[in-house]
């Protein structure tokens, strides 16, 4: 998994899945964010690119398809 993306406020090469989750859950602490990121990574590990994109869209429904493509 590329591990890069964002919700729109930040996008491109410098963005990470961690940053996306942090933007979606700004009131959560670092430990909670890290846990969510690890769970997302584990839930899509080993999937084909197409299936990974579908799963990420279900997990992060507010994220655009362009950002999902960068993550995958």
PDB file of N, CA and C in Angstrom:
ATOM      1  N   UNK A   1       0.851  -1.176   0.000  1.00  0.00           N
ATOM      2  CA  UNK A   1       0.000   0.000   0.000  1.00  0.00           C
ATOM      3  C   UNK A   1       0.888   1.227   0.000  1.00  0.00           C
ATOM      4  N   UNK A   2       0.550   2.211  -0.811  1.00  0.00           N
ATOM      5  CA  UNK A   2       1.324   3.439  -0.923  1.00  0.00           C
ATOM      6  C   UNK A   2       1.320   4.270   0.331  1.00  0.00           C
ATOM      7  N   UNK A   3       0.280   4.207   1.124  1.00  0.00           N
ATOM      8  CA  UNK A   3       0.197   4.918   2.395  1.00  0.00           C
ATOM      9  C   UNK A   3       0.231   6.435   2.226  1.00  0.00           C
ATOM     10  N   UNK A   4      -0.294   6.958   1.108  1.00  0.00           N
ATOM     11  CA  UNK A   4      -0.266   8.396   0.906  1.00  0.00           C
ATOM     12  C   UNK A   4      -1.610   8.899   0.416  1.00  0.00           C
ATOM     13  N   UNK A   5      -2.091  10.007   1.004  1.00  0.00           N
ATOM     14  CA  UNK A   5      -3.323  10.651   0.569  1.00  0.00           C
ATOM     15  C   UNK A   5      -3.747  11.728   1.525  1.00  0.00           C
ATOM     16  N   UNK A   6      -4.898  12.294   1.262  1.00  0.00           N
ATOM     17  CA  UNK A   6      -5.478  13.277   2.159  1.00  0.00           C
ATOM     18  C   UNK A   6      -6.908  13.551   1.770  1.00  0.00           C
ATOM     19  N   UNK A   7      -7.610  14.240   2.655  1.00  0.00           N
ATOM     20  CA  UNK A   7      -9.009  14.545   2.413  1.00  0.00           C
ATOM     21  C   UNK A   7      -9.209  15.713   1.470  1.00  0.00           C
ATOM     22  N   UNK A   8      -8.200  16.460   1.180  1.00  0.00           N
ATOM     23  CA  UNK A   8      -8.334  17.591   0.287  1.00  0.00           C
ATOM     24  C   UNK A   8      -7.588  18.797   0.791  1.00  0.00           C
ATOM     25  N   UNK A   9      -7.548  18.989   2.089  1.00  0.00           N
ATOM     26  CA  UNK A   9      -6.805  20.110   2.651  1.00  0.00           C
ATOM     27  C   UNK A   9      -5.339  19.967   2.302  1.00  0.00           C
ATOM     28  N   UNK A  10      -4.886  18.739   2.273  1.00  0.00           N
ATOM     29  CA  UNK A  10      -3.515  18.440   1.897  1.00  0.00           C
ATOM     30  C   UNK A  10      -3.583  17.252   0.970  1.00  0.00           C
ATOM     31  N   UNK A  11      -2.865  17.298  -0.140  1.00  0.00           N
ATOM     32  CA  UNK A  11      -2.854  16.156  -1.040  1.00  0.00           C
ATOM     33  C   UNK A  11      -1.534  16.100  -1.784  1.00  0.00           C
ATOM     34  N   UNK A  12      -1.251  14.949  -2.360  1.00  0.00           N
ATOM     35  CA  UNK A  12      -0.036  14.798  -3.124  1.00  0.00           C
ATOM     36  C   UNK A  12       0.994  13.934  -2.431  1.00  0.00           C
ATOM     37  N   UNK A  13       2.248  14.062  -2.886  1.00  0.00           N
ATOM     38  CA  UNK A  13       3.314  13.181  -2.430  1.00  0.00           C
ATOM     39  C   UNK A  13       3.594  13.264  -0.934  1.00  0.00           C
ATOM     40  N   UNK A  14       3.459  14.412  -0.311  1.00  0.00           N
ATOM     41  CA  UNK A  14       3.816  14.567   1.089  1.00  0.00           C
ATOM     42  C   UNK A  14       2.751  14.119   2.071  1.00  0.00           C
ATOM     43  N   UNK A  15       1.651  13.591   1.609  1.00  0.00           N
ATOM     44  CA  UNK A  15       0.532  13.236   2.485  1.00  0.00           C
ATOM     45  C   UNK A  15       0.559  11.764   2.832  1.00  0.00           C
ATOM     46  N   UNK A  16       0.047  11.451   3.995  1.00  0.00           N
ATOM     47  CA  UNK A  16       0.040  10.066   4.448  1.00  0.00           C
ATOM     48  C   UNK A  16      -1.352   9.654   4.905  1.00  0.00           C
ATOM     49  N   UNK A  17      -1.556   8.360   4.993  1.00  0.00           N
ATOM     50  CA  UNK A  17      -2.801   7.833   5.524  1.00  0.00           C
ATOM     51  C   UNK A  17      -3.002   8.354   6.945  1.00  0.00           C
ATOM     52  N   UNK A  18      -1.914   8.454   7.684  1.00  0.00           N
ATOM     53  CA  UNK A  18      -1.966   8.971   9.053  1.00  0.00           C
ATOM     54  C   UNK A  18      -2.567  10.378   9.057  1.00  0.00           C
ATOM     55  N   UNK A  19      -2.143  11.207   8.141  1.00  0.00           N
ATOM     56  CA  UNK A  19      -2.644  12.583   8.061  1.00  0.00           C
ATOM     57  C   UNK A  19      -4.117  12.619   7.698  1.00  0.00           C
ATOM     58  N   UNK A  20      -4.544  11.715   6.816  1.00  0.00           N
ATOM     59  CA  UNK A  20      -5.951  11.641   6.426  1.00  0.00           C
ATOM     60  C   UNK A  20      -6.808  11.297   7.639  1.00  0.00           C
ATOM     61  N   UNK A  21      -6.392  10.281   8.381  1.00  0.00           N
ATOM     62  CA  UNK A  21      -7.159   9.852   9.552  1.00  0.00           C
ATOM     63  C   UNK A  21      -7.176  10.968  10.588  1.00  0.00           C
ATOM     64  N   UNK A  22      -6.067  11.646  10.747  1.00  0.00           N
ATOM     65  CA  UNK A  22      -5.994  12.747  11.706  1.00  0.00           C
ATOM     66  C   UNK A  22      -6.944  13.878  11.313  1.00  0.00           C
ATOM     67  N   UNK A  23      -7.053  14.159  10.017  1.00  0.00           N
ATOM     68  CA  UNK A  23      -7.981  15.190   9.541  1.00  0.00           C
ATOM     69  C   UNK A  23      -9.433  14.777   9.780  1.00  0.00           C
ATOM     70  N   UNK A  24      -9.713  13.486   9.628  1.00  0.00           N
ATOM     71  CA  UNK A  24     -11.075  12.987   9.821  1.00  0.00           C
ATOM     72  C   UNK A  24     -11.478  12.936  11.288  1.00  0.00           C
ATOM     73  N   UNK A  25     -10.504  12.718  12.161  1.00  0.00           N
ATOM     74  CA  UNK A  25     -10.759  12.594  13.602  1.00  0.00           C
ATOM     75  C   UNK A  25      -9.835  13.531  14.375  1.00  0.00           C
ATOM     76  N   UNK A  26     -10.040  14.836  14.256  1.00  0.00           N
ATOM     77  CA  UNK A  26      -9.111  15.802  14.871  1.00  0.00           C
ATOM     78  C   UNK A  26      -9.090  15.769  16.397  1.00  0.00           C
ATOM     79  N   UNK A  27     -10.115  15.232  17.033  1.00  0.00           N
ATOM     80  CA  UNK A  27     -10.168  15.214  18.494  1.00  0.00           C
ATOM     81  C   UNK A  27      -9.546  13.969  19.112  1.00  0.00           C
ATOM     82  N   UNK A  28      -9.068  13.053  18.286  1.00  0.00           N
ATOM     83  CA  UNK A  28      -8.442  11.823  18.780  1.00  0.00           C
ATOM     84  C   UNK A  28      -6.955  12.073  19.047  1.00  0.00           C
ATOM     85  N   UNK A  29      -6.425  11.364  20.001  1.00  0.00           N
ATOM     86  CA  UNK A  29      -5.008  11.472  20.337  1.00  0.00           C
ATOM     87  C   UNK A  29      -4.143  10.665  19.388  1.00  0.00           C
ATOM     88  N   UNK A  30      -2.831  10.860  19.494  1.00  0.00           N
ATOM     89  CA  UNK A  30      -1.882  10.186  18.621  1.00  0.00           C
ATOM     90  C   UNK A  30      -1.995   8.669  18.707  1.00  0.00           C
ATOM     91  N   UNK A  31      -2.149   8.142  19.903  1.00  0.00           N
ATOM     92  CA  UNK A  31      -2.236   6.691  20.087  1.00  0.00           C
ATOM     93  C   UNK A  31      -3.477   6.124  19.389  1.00  0.00           C
ATOM     94  N   UNK A  32      -4.597   6.820  19.499  1.00  0.00           N
ATOM     95  CA  UNK A  32      -5.833   6.383  18.846  1.00  0.00           C
ATOM     96  C   UNK A  32      -5.701   6.455  17.329  1.00  0.00           C
ATOM     97  N   UNK A  33      -5.109   7.530  16.827  1.00  0.00           N
ATOM     98  CA  UNK A  33      -4.896   7.692  15.382  1.00  0.00           C
ATOM     99  C   UNK A  33      -3.995   6.576  14.866  1.00  0.00           C
ATOM    100  N   UNK A  34      -2.886   6.324  15.575  1.00  0.00           N
ATOM    101  CA  UNK A  34      -1.964   5.260  15.166  1.00  0.00           C
ATOM    102  C   UNK A  34      -2.678   3.917  15.112  1.00  0.00           C
ATOM    103  N   UNK A  35      -3.543   3.655  16.087  1.00  0.00           N
ATOM    104  CA  UNK A  35      -4.299   2.405  16.117  1.00  0.00           C
ATOM    105  C   UNK A  35      -5.246   2.288  14.937  1.00  0.00           C
ATOM    106  N   UNK A  36      -5.927   3.385  14.607  1.00  0.00           N
ATOM    107  CA  UNK A  36      -6.850   3.370  13.465  1.00  0.00           C
ATOM    108  C   UNK A  36      -6.098   3.125  12.164  1.00  0.00           C
ATOM    109  N   UNK A  37      -4.959   3.783  12.006  1.00  0.00           N
ATOM    110  CA  UNK A  37      -4.158   3.616  10.784  1.00  0.00           C
ATOM    111  C   UNK A  37      -3.706   2.158  10.654  1.00  0.00           C
ATOM    112  N   UNK A  38      -3.246   1.566  11.735  1.00  0.00           N
ATOM    113  CA  UNK A  38      -2.807   0.169  11.703  1.00  0.00           C
ATOM    114  C   UNK A  38      -3.963  -0.768  11.358  1.00  0.00           C
ATOM    115  N   UNK A  39      -5.136  -0.510  11.903  1.00  0.00           N
ATOM    116  CA  UNK A  39      -6.300  -1.353  11.588  1.00  0.00           C
ATOM    117  C   UNK A  39      -6.686  -1.236  10.121  1.00  0.00           C
ATOM    118  N   UNK A  40      -6.625  -0.021   9.581  1.00  0.00           N
ATOM    119  CA  UNK A  40      -6.934   0.172   8.161  1.00  0.00           C
ATOM    120  C   UNK A  40      -5.926  -0.587   7.317  1.00  0.00           C
ATOM    121  N   UNK A  41      -4.644  -0.449   7.638  1.00  0.00           N
ATOM    122  CA  UNK A  41      -3.601  -1.143   6.881  1.00  0.00           C
ATOM    123  C   UNK A  41      -3.792  -2.655   6.937  1.00  0.00           C
ATOM    124  N   UNK A  42      -4.098  -3.186   8.112  1.00  0.00           N
ATOM    125  CA  UNK A  42      -4.282  -4.634   8.258  1.00  0.00           C
ATOM    126  C   UNK A  42      -5.518  -5.111   7.504  1.00  0.00           C
ATOM    127  N   UNK A  43      -6.558  -4.289   7.459  1.00  0.00           N
ATOM    128  CA  UNK A  43      -7.790  -4.713   6.789  1.00  0.00           C
ATOM    129  C   UNK A  43      -7.655  -4.759   5.272  1.00  0.00           C
ATOM    130  N   UNK A  44      -6.695  -4.039   4.702  1.00  0.00           N
ATOM    131  CA  UNK A  44      -6.526  -4.050   3.246  1.00  0.00           C
ATOM    132  C   UNK A  44      -5.248  -4.774   2.803  1.00  0.00           C
ATOM    133  N   UNK A  45      -4.476  -5.268   3.747  1.00  0.00           N
ATOM    134  CA  UNK A  45      -3.232  -5.962   3.419  1.00  0.00           C
ATOM    135  C   UNK A  45      -3.508  -7.183   2.549  1.00  0.00           C
ATOM    136  N   UNK A  46      -2.727  -7.340   1.517  1.00  0.00           N
ATOM    137  CA  UNK A  46      -2.837  -8.500   0.653  1.00  0.00           C
ATOM    138  C   UNK A  46      -3.909  -8.423  -0.412  1.00  0.00           C
ATOM    139  N   UNK A  47      -4.668  -7.342  -0.450  1.00  0.00           N
ATOM    140  CA  UNK A  47      -5.732  -7.199  -1.451  1.00  0.00           C
ATOM    141  C   UNK A  47      -5.151  -6.707  -2.770  1.00  0.00           C
ATOM    142  N   UNK A  48      -5.861  -7.027  -3.842  1.00  0.00           N
ATOM    143  CA  UNK A  48      -5.501  -6.456  -5.134  1.00  0.00           C
ATOM    144  C   UNK A  48      -5.787  -4.956  -5.083  1.00  0.00           C
ATOM    145  N   UNK A  49      -5.226  -4.228  -6.001  1.00  0.00           N
ATOM    146  CA  UNK A  49      -5.408  -2.775  -6.024  1.00  0.00           C
ATOM    147  C   UNK A  49      -6.882  -2.389  -6.124  1.00  0.00           C
ATOM    148  N   UNK A  50      -7.617  -3.064  -6.982  1.00  0.00           N
ATOM    149  CA  UNK A  50      -9.040  -2.745  -7.162  1.00  0.00           C
ATOM    150  C   UNK A  50      -9.838  -3.028  -5.889  1.00  0.00           C
ATOM    151  N   UNK A  51      -9.578  -4.178  -5.272  1.00  0.00           N
ATOM    152  CA  UNK A  51     -10.285  -4.513  -4.036  1.00  0.00           C
ATOM    153  C   UNK A  51      -9.877  -3.592  -2.897  1.00  0.00           C
ATOM    154  N   UNK A  52      -8.600  -3.202  -2.881  1.00  0.00           N
ATOM    155  CA  UNK A  52      -8.120  -2.287  -1.854  1.00  0.00           C
ATOM    156  C   UNK A  52      -8.829  -0.943  -1.962  1.00  0.00           C
ATOM    157  N   UNK A  53      -8.992  -0.453  -3.175  1.00  0.00           N
ATOM    158  CA  UNK A  53      -9.683   0.826  -3.383  1.00  0.00           C
ATOM    159  C   UNK A  53     -11.138   0.738  -2.915  1.00  0.00           C
ATOM    160  N   UNK A  54     -11.814  -0.371  -3.210  1.00  0.00           N
ATOM    161  CA  UNK A  54     -13.194  -0.556  -2.762  1.00  0.00           C
ATOM    162  C   UNK A  54     -13.271  -0.586  -1.236  1.00  0.00           C
ATOM    163  N   UNK A  55     -12.358  -1.323  -0.619  1.00  0.00           N
ATOM    164  CA  UNK A  55     -12.353  -1.432   0.848  1.00  0.00           C
ATOM    165  C   UNK A  55     -12.055  -0.080   1.493  1.00  0.00           C
ATOM    166  N   UNK A  56     -11.093   0.658   0.951  1.00  0.00           N
ATOM    167  CA  UNK A  56     -10.760   1.974   1.503  1.00  0.00           C
ATOM    168  C   UNK A  56     -11.934   2.935   1.358  1.00  0.00           C
ATOM    169  N   UNK A  57     -12.656   2.833   0.257  1.00  0.00           N
ATOM    170  CA  UNK A  57     -13.824   3.688   0.054  1.00  0.00           C
ATOM    171  C   UNK A  57     -14.906   3.374   1.079  1.00  0.00           C
ATOM    172  N   UNK A  58     -15.037   2.108   1.456  1.00  0.00           N
ATOM    173  CA  UNK A  58     -16.009   1.731   2.481  1.00  0.00           C
ATOM    174  C   UNK A  58     -15.554   2.202   3.867  1.00  0.00           C
ATOM    175  N   UNK A  59     -14.257   2.103   4.130  1.00  0.00           N
ATOM    176  CA  UNK A  59     -13.708   2.490   5.428  1.00  0.00           C
ATOM    177  C   UNK A  59     -13.701   4.017   5.575  1.00  0.00           C
ATOM    178  N   UNK A  60     -13.331   4.702   4.508  1.00  0.00           N
ATOM    179  CA  UNK A  60     -13.211   6.168   4.520  1.00  0.00           C
ATOM    180  C   UNK A  60     -14.136   6.760   3.457  1.00  0.00           C
ATOM    181  N   UNK A  61     -15.456   6.709   3.667  1.00  0.00           N
ATOM    182  CA  UNK A  61     -16.401   7.110   2.618  1.00  0.00           C
ATOM    183  C   UNK A  61     -16.332   8.579   2.211  1.00  0.00           C
ATOM    184  N   UNK A  62     -15.801   9.446   3.046  1.00  0.00           N
ATOM    185  CA  UNK A  62     -15.750  10.867   2.703  1.00  0.00           C
ATOM    186  C   UNK A  62     -14.525  11.229   1.876  1.00  0.00           C
ATOM    187  N   UNK A  63     -13.651  10.276   1.636  1.00  0.00           N
ATOM    188  CA  UNK A  63     -12.430  10.524   0.872  1.00  0.00           C
ATOM    189  C   UNK A  63     -12.740  10.394  -0.615  1.00  0.00           C
ATOM    190  N   UNK A  64     -12.199  11.295  -1.419  1.00  0.00           N
ATOM    191  CA  UNK A  64     -12.447  11.266  -2.857  1.00  0.00           C
ATOM    192  C   UNK A  64     -11.746  10.068  -3.508  1.00  0.00           C
ATOM    193  N   UNK A  65     -12.220   9.688  -4.687  1.00  0.00           N
ATOM    194  CA  UNK A  65     -11.629   8.583  -5.421  1.00  0.00           C
ATOM    195  C   UNK A  65     -10.179   8.876  -5.796  1.00  0.00           C
ATOM    196  N   UNK A  66      -9.862  10.125  -6.100  1.00  0.00           N
ATOM    197  CA  UNK A  66      -8.496  10.502  -6.426  1.00  0.00           C
ATOM    198  C   UNK A  66      -7.564  10.240  -5.259  1.00  0.00           C
ATOM    199  N   UNK A  67      -8.002  10.577  -4.062  1.00  0.00           N
ATOM    200  CA  UNK A  67      -7.195  10.370  -2.863  1.00  0.00           C
ATOM    201  C   UNK A  67      -7.073   8.880  -2.569  1.00  0.00           C
ATOM    202  N   UNK A  68      -8.151   8.123  -2.756  1.00  0.00           N
ATOM    203  CA  UNK A  68      -8.114   6.679  -2.558  1.00  0.00           C
ATOM    204  C   UNK A  68      -7.067   6.066  -3.487  1.00  0.00           C
ATOM    205  N   UNK A  69      -7.003   6.535  -4.728  1.00  0.00           N
ATOM    206  CA  UNK A  69      -6.015   6.029  -5.670  1.00  0.00           C
ATOM    207  C   UNK A  69      -4.595   6.297  -5.195  1.00  0.00           C
ATOM    208  N   UNK A  70      -4.363   7.425  -4.589  1.00  0.00           N
ATOM    209  CA  UNK A  70      -3.029   7.750  -4.086  1.00  0.00           C
ATOM    210  C   UNK A  70      -2.678   6.855  -2.909  1.00  0.00           C
ATOM    211  N   UNK A  71      -3.637   6.586  -2.032  1.00  0.00           N
ATOM    212  CA  UNK A  71      -3.400   5.721  -0.877  1.00  0.00           C
ATOM    213  C   UNK A  71      -3.045   4.315  -1.343  1.00  0.00           C
ATOM    214  N   UNK A  72      -3.863   3.794  -2.279  1.00  0.00           N
ATOM    215  CA  UNK A  72      -3.675   2.423  -2.756  1.00  0.00           C
ATOM    216  C   UNK A  72      -2.431   2.334  -3.591  1.00  0.00           C
TER     217      UNK A  72
END
